[in-house]
Amino acid sequence: MTQIHSFSTHARISEIGQNVKNHAEPFSRLIGEIGQVIVGQEKLLHRMLVGLLSNGHLLIEGVPGLAKTLAVSCLARGIDTGFKRLQFTPDLLPADLIGTLVYHPQDQTFAVQKGPLFSNLILADEINRAPAKVQSALLEAMQERQVTIGNETYPLDEPFLVMATQNPIEQEGTYPLPEAQVDRFMMKVIVGYPTRQEERKILDRMGTTHPEISIQPVLHPEDIVAARELVDEIYVDPKVRDYIVDLVTATRDPGAHKIPVTEWIEYGASPRATIALTLTAKANAFLAGRGYVTPQDVKDLAMDVLRHRVIVTYEAQAEEKASEDVVRAILDAVPVP
């Protein structure tokens, strides 16, 4: 009976794998198309696609000038979908994002004027420069995929991806995101400087007053929705599921796994991290053209999923230990199936 079940599972995985290969190929072409404009930043582009496929949002941390805005706008062009850039400032209001009711005195009626949030790809530039009520309005829309204007609720378009940026080098006049709100982001991605070779390519490609930015549409919004359905079908072995749970629970109780970082951890990751790590690992497998998740898929995404969900103690900060050090120790110690 076990052999029959094993054979049917293997056949199912093979069938899913073939479907995944067929649907993943356009995403490879999309990366190639964006690569004609964006130099380097492969990790950022990959994580944006993972976010799109797993229906999650990204928190991006990087200094200005690293092509974060250009990357999102190129992605929007490659998918032939809407893109809005929102510059967060201290005087921004929730209505500036979600919209408001406009009164028409001629016929004494109110009409809905939808805000820029009604698009597909949203770049929330310097999200920590806006006050808490504006951050909450954005995060509520991210979580519920809908906004309320007046007494009416309006669903947001699909696909819907928010990429919020933070500047790590300037904290004056900012409103740091509370940990509970940061947890709403599926991944936190750190964007670094390009290499010397990449910087030279950037100079050659962009060193003009009118750099050419030409992206041909490769995908359409309905292709993303169809791909998400296939991502849901990707097989995750019970041993890999246990591995994911072990990684997340180790952030709460590292002592149970004999990992000597207990004094560094104030709070561990929530069950939301377990779900996010599973979905991102499935999306990673999809982009690799596989119908099943490997432990390496999990390890590849674990840092981006967990780094903002692990809160370190004052003792850890005194020893100059960050959440990345905790996650790295856990990844090294938890046995891989």
Protein backbone atom coordinates (compact mmCIF):
# COMPACT_ATOMS: atom_id res chain seq x y z
CA MET A 1 0.00 0.00 0.00
CA THR A 2 2.90 2.34 0.87
CA GLN A 3 4.57 1.60 -2.48
CA ILE A 4 1.34 2.45 -4.35
CA HIS A 5 1.04 5.73 -2.43
CA SER A 6 4.72 6.51 -3.11
CA PHE A 7 4.31 5.81 -6.83
CA SER A 8 1.22 8.02 -7.11
CA THR A 9 2.99 10.84 -5.24
CA HIS A 10 6.01 10.58 -7.55
CA ALA A 11 3.76 10.63 -10.62
CA ARG A 12 1.94 13.68 -9.26
CA ILE A 13 5.24 15.50 -8.62
CA SER A 14 6.40 14.72 -12.17
CA GLU A 15 3.15 16.10 -13.59
CA ILE A 16 3.42 19.27 -11.50
CA GLY A 17 7.08 19.61 -12.49
CA GLN A 18 6.23 19.57 -16.19
CA ASN A 19 3.55 22.23 -15.72
CA VAL A 20 5.96 24.33 -13.68
CA LYS A 21 8.65 24.17 -16.39
CA ASN A 22 6.16 25.39 -18.98
CA HIS A 23 4.92 28.28 -16.83
CA ALA A 24 8.32 29.27 -15.37
CA GLU A 25 10.00 29.86 -18.73
CA PRO A 26 8.38 33.31 -19.30
CA PHE A 27 9.65 34.41 -15.89
CA SER A 28 13.21 33.61 -16.99
CA ARG A 29 12.63 35.72 -20.10
CA LEU A 30 11.26 38.50 -17.89
CA ILE A 31 14.49 38.53 -15.84
CA GLY A 32 16.48 38.63 -19.08
CA GLU A 33 14.39 41.53 -20.38
CA ILE A 34 14.85 43.54 -17.17
CA GLY A 35 18.56 42.66 -17.23
CA GLN A 36 18.91 44.73 -20.40
CA VAL A 37 18.29 47.82 -18.25
CA ILE A 38 19.18 46.85 -14.67
CA VAL A 39 22.80 45.86 -14.04
CA GLY A 40 23.25 43.39 -11.19
CA GLN A 41 20.60 43.35 -8.43
CA GLU A 42 19.75 39.74 -9.33
CA LYS A 43 18.76 39.06 -5.72
CA LEU A 44 16.36 42.02 -5.62
CA LEU A 45 14.72 41.03 -8.92
CA HIS A 46 14.45 37.42 -7.79
CA ARG A 47 12.86 38.40 -4.46
CA MET A 48 10.35 40.65 -6.24
CA LEU A 49 9.25 37.71 -8.38
CA VAL A 50 9.09 35.50 -5.28
CA GLY A 51 6.89 38.13 -3.63
CA LEU A 52 4.62 38.30 -6.67
CA LEU A 53 4.27 34.52 -6.88
CA SER A 54 3.73 33.99 -3.15
CA ASN A 55 1.36 36.98 -2.83
CA GLY A 56 3.55 38.75 -0.28
CA HIS A 57 5.13 42.17 0.13
CA LEU A 58 8.73 43.29 0.42
CA LEU A 59 10.51 45.66 2.78
CA ILE A 60 13.68 46.86 1.06
CA GLU A 61 16.56 48.42 2.93
CA GLY A 62 19.31 50.13 0.99
CA VAL A 63 21.01 53.47 0.51
CA PRO A 64 19.67 55.83 -2.19
CA GLY A 65 20.75 55.37 -5.79
CA LEU A 66 20.71 51.58 -6.04
CA ALA A 67 18.02 51.42 -8.76
CA LYS A 68 15.22 50.24 -6.46
CA THR A 69 12.65 52.47 -8.17
CA LEU A 70 13.93 51.59 -11.62
CA ALA A 71 13.77 47.86 -10.83
CA VAL A 72 10.10 48.03 -9.83
CA SER A 73 9.12 50.19 -12.81
CA CYS A 74 10.94 47.79 -15.17
CA LEU A 75 9.14 44.85 -13.55
CA ALA A 76 5.80 46.61 -14.08
CA ARG A 77 6.62 47.20 -17.75
CA GLY A 78 7.71 43.59 -18.19
CA ILE A 79 4.38 42.37 -16.78
CA ASP A 80 2.39 45.03 -18.63
CA THR A 81 0.74 46.18 -15.44
CA GLY A 82 0.23 49.30 -13.34
CA PHE A 83 2.98 50.95 -11.30
CA LYS A 84 2.82 53.79 -8.77
CA ARG A 85 5.62 55.38 -6.78
CA LEU A 86 4.53 56.92 -3.48
CA GLN A 87 6.98 59.29 -1.79
CA PHE A 88 6.27 59.09 1.94
CA THR A 89 6.64 62.38 3.79
CA PRO A 90 5.75 63.58 7.33
CA ASP A 91 2.71 65.54 6.06
CA LEU A 92 1.19 62.64 4.11
CA LEU A 93 -2.40 61.66 4.97
CA PRO A 94 -4.12 58.26 4.65
CA ALA A 95 -6.48 59.77 2.04
CA ASP A 96 -3.43 60.57 -0.10
CA LEU A 97 -2.94 56.81 -0.46
CA ILE A 98 -6.36 55.22 -0.49
CA GLY A 99 -8.47 58.08 -1.88
CA THR A 100 -11.40 60.05 -0.55
CA LEU A 101 -14.98 61.19 -1.18
CA VAL A 102 -15.30 64.35 -3.28
CA TYR A 103 -18.39 66.51 -2.86
CA HIS A 104 -20.12 67.80 -6.01
CA PRO A 105 -22.24 70.84 -5.06
CA GLN A 106 -24.04 70.85 -8.43
CA ASP A 107 -26.06 67.74 -7.61
CA GLN A 108 -25.17 67.55 -3.89
CA THR A 109 -23.60 64.10 -4.14
CA PHE A 110 -20.33 62.53 -3.12
CA ALA A 111 -18.15 60.71 -5.67
CA VAL A 112 -15.30 58.33 -4.89
CA GLN A 113 -11.88 59.47 -5.97
CA LYS A 114 -9.57 56.46 -5.74
CA GLY A 115 -6.01 57.00 -4.59
CA PRO A 116 -2.73 55.80 -6.13
CA LEU A 117 -2.90 52.60 -4.09
CA PHE A 118 -5.31 51.27 -6.73
CA SER A 119 -2.54 49.91 -8.91
CA ASN A 120 -0.59 46.66 -9.16
CA LEU A 121 3.02 47.36 -8.20
CA ILE A 122 3.46 49.98 -5.50
CA LEU A 123 6.78 51.48 -4.48
CA ALA A 124 6.39 53.05 -1.03
CA ASP A 125 9.54 55.15 -0.95
CA GLU A 126 10.97 55.76 2.54
CA ILE A 127 7.96 54.36 4.35
CA ASN A 128 9.42 55.31 7.73
CA ARG A 129 9.17 59.04 6.89
CA ALA A 130 5.36 59.01 7.21
CA PRO A 131 3.50 59.02 10.57
CA ALA A 132 1.97 55.89 12.04
CA LYS A 133 -1.58 56.47 10.73
CA VAL A 134 -0.33 56.55 7.12
CA GLN A 135 1.81 53.46 7.64
CA SER A 136 -1.22 51.70 9.15
CA ALA A 137 -3.41 52.63 6.16
CA LEU A 138 -0.87 51.07 3.78
CA LEU A 139 -0.31 47.98 5.90
CA GLU A 140 -4.07 47.41 6.29
CA ALA A 141 -4.45 47.52 2.50
CA MET A 142 -1.55 45.06 2.19
CA GLN A 143 -3.10 42.63 4.64
CA GLU A 144 -6.76 42.83 3.62
CA ARG A 145 -6.22 43.53 -0.11
CA GLN A 146 -8.99 46.10 0.14
CA VAL A 147 -9.61 49.66 1.31
CA THR A 148 -12.64 51.43 2.74
CA ILE A 149 -13.65 54.86 1.45
CA GLY A 150 -16.69 56.28 3.21
CA ASN A 151 -19.02 53.35 3.80
CA GLU A 152 -17.93 51.32 0.79
CA THR A 153 -15.19 48.72 0.60
CA TYR A 154 -13.19 48.41 -2.63
CA PRO A 155 -11.00 45.42 -3.52
CA LEU A 156 -7.51 46.16 -4.82
CA ASP A 157 -6.38 44.91 -8.20
CA GLU A 158 -4.52 41.63 -8.61
CA PRO A 159 -1.62 41.10 -8.65
CA PHE A 160 -0.83 43.55 -5.87
CA LEU A 161 2.74 43.94 -4.60
CA VAL A 162 4.00 46.61 -2.23
CA MET A 163 7.71 47.25 -2.14
CA ALA A 164 8.46 49.60 0.75
CA THR A 165 11.93 51.09 1.10
CA GLN A 166 13.85 52.27 4.15
CA ASN A 167 17.02 54.31 4.25
CA PRO A 168 19.40 52.70 6.79
CA ILE A 169 21.79 55.66 7.10
CA GLU A 170 19.43 58.49 8.03
CA GLN A 171 17.10 58.29 11.03
CA GLU A 172 16.39 61.97 11.73
CA GLY A 173 12.73 62.86 11.18
CA THR A 174 11.61 59.26 10.69
CA TYR A 175 8.88 57.14 12.28
CA PRO A 176 10.33 53.62 12.64
CA LEU A 177 7.91 50.83 11.79
CA PRO A 178 6.73 48.94 14.90
CA GLU A 179 7.73 45.28 15.01
CA ALA A 180 4.08 44.17 14.71
CA GLN A 181 3.75 46.11 11.45
CA VAL A 182 7.09 44.97 10.07
CA ASP A 183 5.84 41.39 10.55
CA ARG A 184 3.26 42.07 7.81
CA PHE A 185 6.03 42.10 5.21
CA MET A 186 6.76 38.64 3.86
CA MET A 187 10.45 39.44 3.31
CA LYS A 188 12.99 42.07 4.24
CA VAL A 189 15.66 42.36 1.56
CA ILE A 190 18.96 44.17 2.03
CA VAL A 191 20.19 45.80 -1.18
CA GLY A 192 23.95 46.29 -1.37
CA TYR A 193 26.31 48.22 -3.60
CA PRO A 194 27.19 46.81 -7.04
CA THR A 195 30.59 45.26 -7.69
CA ARG A 196 33.26 47.22 -9.53
CA GLN A 197 32.51 45.37 -12.78
CA GLU A 198 28.78 46.01 -12.39
CA GLU A 199 29.41 49.69 -11.64
CA ARG A 200 31.43 50.00 -14.84
CA LYS A 201 28.54 48.46 -16.80
CA ILE A 202 26.14 50.92 -15.13
CA LEU A 203 28.38 53.78 -16.24
CA ASP A 204 28.53 52.51 -19.81
CA ARG A 205 24.77 51.96 -19.97
CA MET A 206 23.48 54.96 -18.03
CA GLY A 207 26.17 57.59 -18.48
CA THR A 208 24.05 59.79 -20.72
CA THR A 209 21.49 62.54 -20.22
CA HIS A 210 18.80 60.33 -21.79
CA PRO A 211 19.51 56.68 -20.93
CA GLU A 212 17.45 54.28 -23.01
CA ILE A 213 14.97 52.25 -20.97
CA SER A 214 13.14 49.85 -23.23
CA ILE A 215 11.31 46.88 -21.72
CA GLN A 216 9.06 44.66 -23.82
CA PRO A 217 6.08 43.07 -22.00
CA VAL A 218 6.71 39.37 -21.41
CA LEU A 219 3.86 38.55 -19.03
CA HIS A 220 0.39 39.81 -18.21
CA PRO A 221 -1.38 40.08 -14.83
CA GLU A 222 -3.48 36.99 -15.54
CA ASP A 223 -0.23 35.01 -16.02
CA ILE A 224 0.79 35.89 -12.46
CA VAL A 225 -2.57 34.75 -11.08
CA ALA A 226 -2.32 31.47 -13.02
CA ALA A 227 1.26 30.94 -11.80
CA ARG A 228 0.15 31.43 -8.20
CA GLU A 229 -2.33 28.59 -8.56
CA LEU A 230 0.50 26.37 -9.76
CA VAL A 231 2.75 27.49 -6.89
CA ASP A 232 0.08 26.26 -4.47
CA GLU A 233 0.31 22.78 -6.02
CA ILE A 234 4.09 22.44 -5.61
CA TYR A 235 4.90 19.47 -3.38
CA VAL A 236 6.47 19.98 0.05
CA ASP A 237 7.69 16.76 1.66
CA PRO A 238 6.71 16.22 5.33
CA LYS A 239 10.42 16.24 6.27
CA VAL A 240 10.85 19.65 4.62
CA ARG A 241 7.74 20.91 6.43
CA ASP A 242 9.25 19.71 9.73
CA TYR A 243 12.50 21.50 8.82
CA ILE A 244 10.62 24.76 8.26
CA VAL A 245 8.83 24.41 11.61
CA ASP A 246 12.14 23.59 13.36
CA LEU A 247 13.79 26.72 11.94
CA VAL A 248 10.96 28.99 13.06
CA THR A 249 10.50 27.45 16.52
CA ALA A 250 14.27 27.64 17.04
CA THR A 251 13.95 31.44 16.93
CA ARG A 252 11.65 31.23 19.96
CA ASP A 253 13.36 28.45 21.93
CA PRO A 254 16.90 27.92 20.63
CA GLY A 255 17.81 26.01 23.78
CA ALA A 256 15.55 23.14 22.74
CA HIS A 257 17.77 22.72 19.68
CA LYS A 258 20.99 23.23 21.69
CA ILE A 259 21.77 26.52 19.92
CA PRO A 260 23.64 28.93 22.26
CA VAL A 261 21.85 32.15 21.26
CA THR A 262 19.07 32.25 23.89
CA GLU A 263 20.45 35.39 25.55
CA TRP A 264 20.42 37.20 22.18
CA ILE A 265 16.70 36.71 21.44
CA GLU A 266 14.00 38.98 22.88
CA TYR A 267 11.19 37.71 20.62
CA GLY A 268 11.16 34.99 18.00
CA ALA A 269 9.26 34.66 14.74
CA SER A 270 5.48 34.18 14.67
CA PRO A 271 3.54 31.45 12.84
CA ARG A 272 3.21 33.97 10.00
CA ALA A 273 6.92 33.29 9.38
CA THR A 274 6.24 29.56 9.00
CA ILE A 275 3.63 30.23 6.34
CA ALA A 276 5.80 32.83 4.60
CA LEU A 277 8.83 30.53 4.52
CA THR A 278 6.77 27.73 2.99
CA LEU A 279 5.23 29.97 0.32
CA THR A 280 8.53 31.63 -0.63
CA ALA A 281 10.25 28.24 -0.84
CA LYS A 282 7.49 27.06 -3.19
CA ALA A 283 7.93 30.20 -5.32
CA ASN A 284 11.68 29.60 -5.38
CA ALA A 285 11.11 26.04 -6.60
CA PHE A 286 8.72 27.37 -9.26
CA LEU A 287 11.30 29.83 -10.59
CA ALA A 288 13.83 26.96 -10.70
CA GLY A 289 11.37 24.92 -12.80
CA ARG A 290 10.76 22.25 -10.15
CA GLY A 291 7.52 20.74 -8.91
CA TYR A 292 8.86 20.09 -5.40
CA VAL A 293 10.60 22.05 -2.63
CA THR A 294 14.12 21.16 -1.48
CA PRO A 295 15.71 22.12 1.87
CA GLN A 296 17.99 24.47 -0.10
CA ASP A 297 14.92 26.43 -1.25
CA VAL A 298 14.10 26.97 2.40
CA LYS A 299 17.67 27.98 3.32
CA ASP A 300 17.88 30.39 0.37
CA LEU A 301 14.86 32.38 1.60
CA ALA A 302 15.15 31.90 5.37
CA MET A 303 17.30 34.99 6.01
CA ASP A 304 14.95 37.34 4.12
CA VAL A 305 11.87 35.84 5.81
CA LEU A 306 13.23 35.75 9.36
CA ARG A 307 15.65 38.68 9.74
CA HIS A 308 12.92 41.24 10.52
CA ARG A 309 10.89 38.87 12.68
CA VAL A 310 13.64 38.07 15.20
CA ILE A 311 14.02 40.84 17.81
CA VAL A 312 17.36 40.80 19.60
CA THR A 313 18.01 41.75 23.26
CA TYR A 314 19.97 44.73 24.56
CA GLU A 315 22.73 42.28 25.51
CA ALA A 316 22.98 41.18 21.88
CA GLN A 317 23.13 44.79 20.72
CA ALA A 318 25.87 45.48 23.28
CA GLU A 319 27.84 42.61 21.75
CA GLU A 320 27.09 44.02 18.28
CA LYS A 321 24.99 41.00 17.37
CA ALA A 322 22.11 41.51 14.92
CA SER A 323 19.12 39.36 14.02
CA GLU A 324 21.08 38.10 10.99
CA ASP A 325 23.65 36.56 13.36
CA VAL A 326 20.87 34.72 15.20
CA VAL A 327 19.30 33.41 11.97
CA ARG A 328 22.71 32.36 10.65
CA ALA A 329 23.45 30.40 13.84
CA ILE A 330 20.05 28.68 13.62
CA LEU A 331 20.55 27.78 9.93
CA ASP A 332 23.95 26.31 10.77
CA ALA A 333 22.69 24.29 13.75
CA VAL A 334 19.28 22.90 12.73
CA PRO A 335 19.76 19.55 10.96
CA VAL A 336 18.90 19.59 7.25
CA PRO A 337 16.71 16.66 6.12
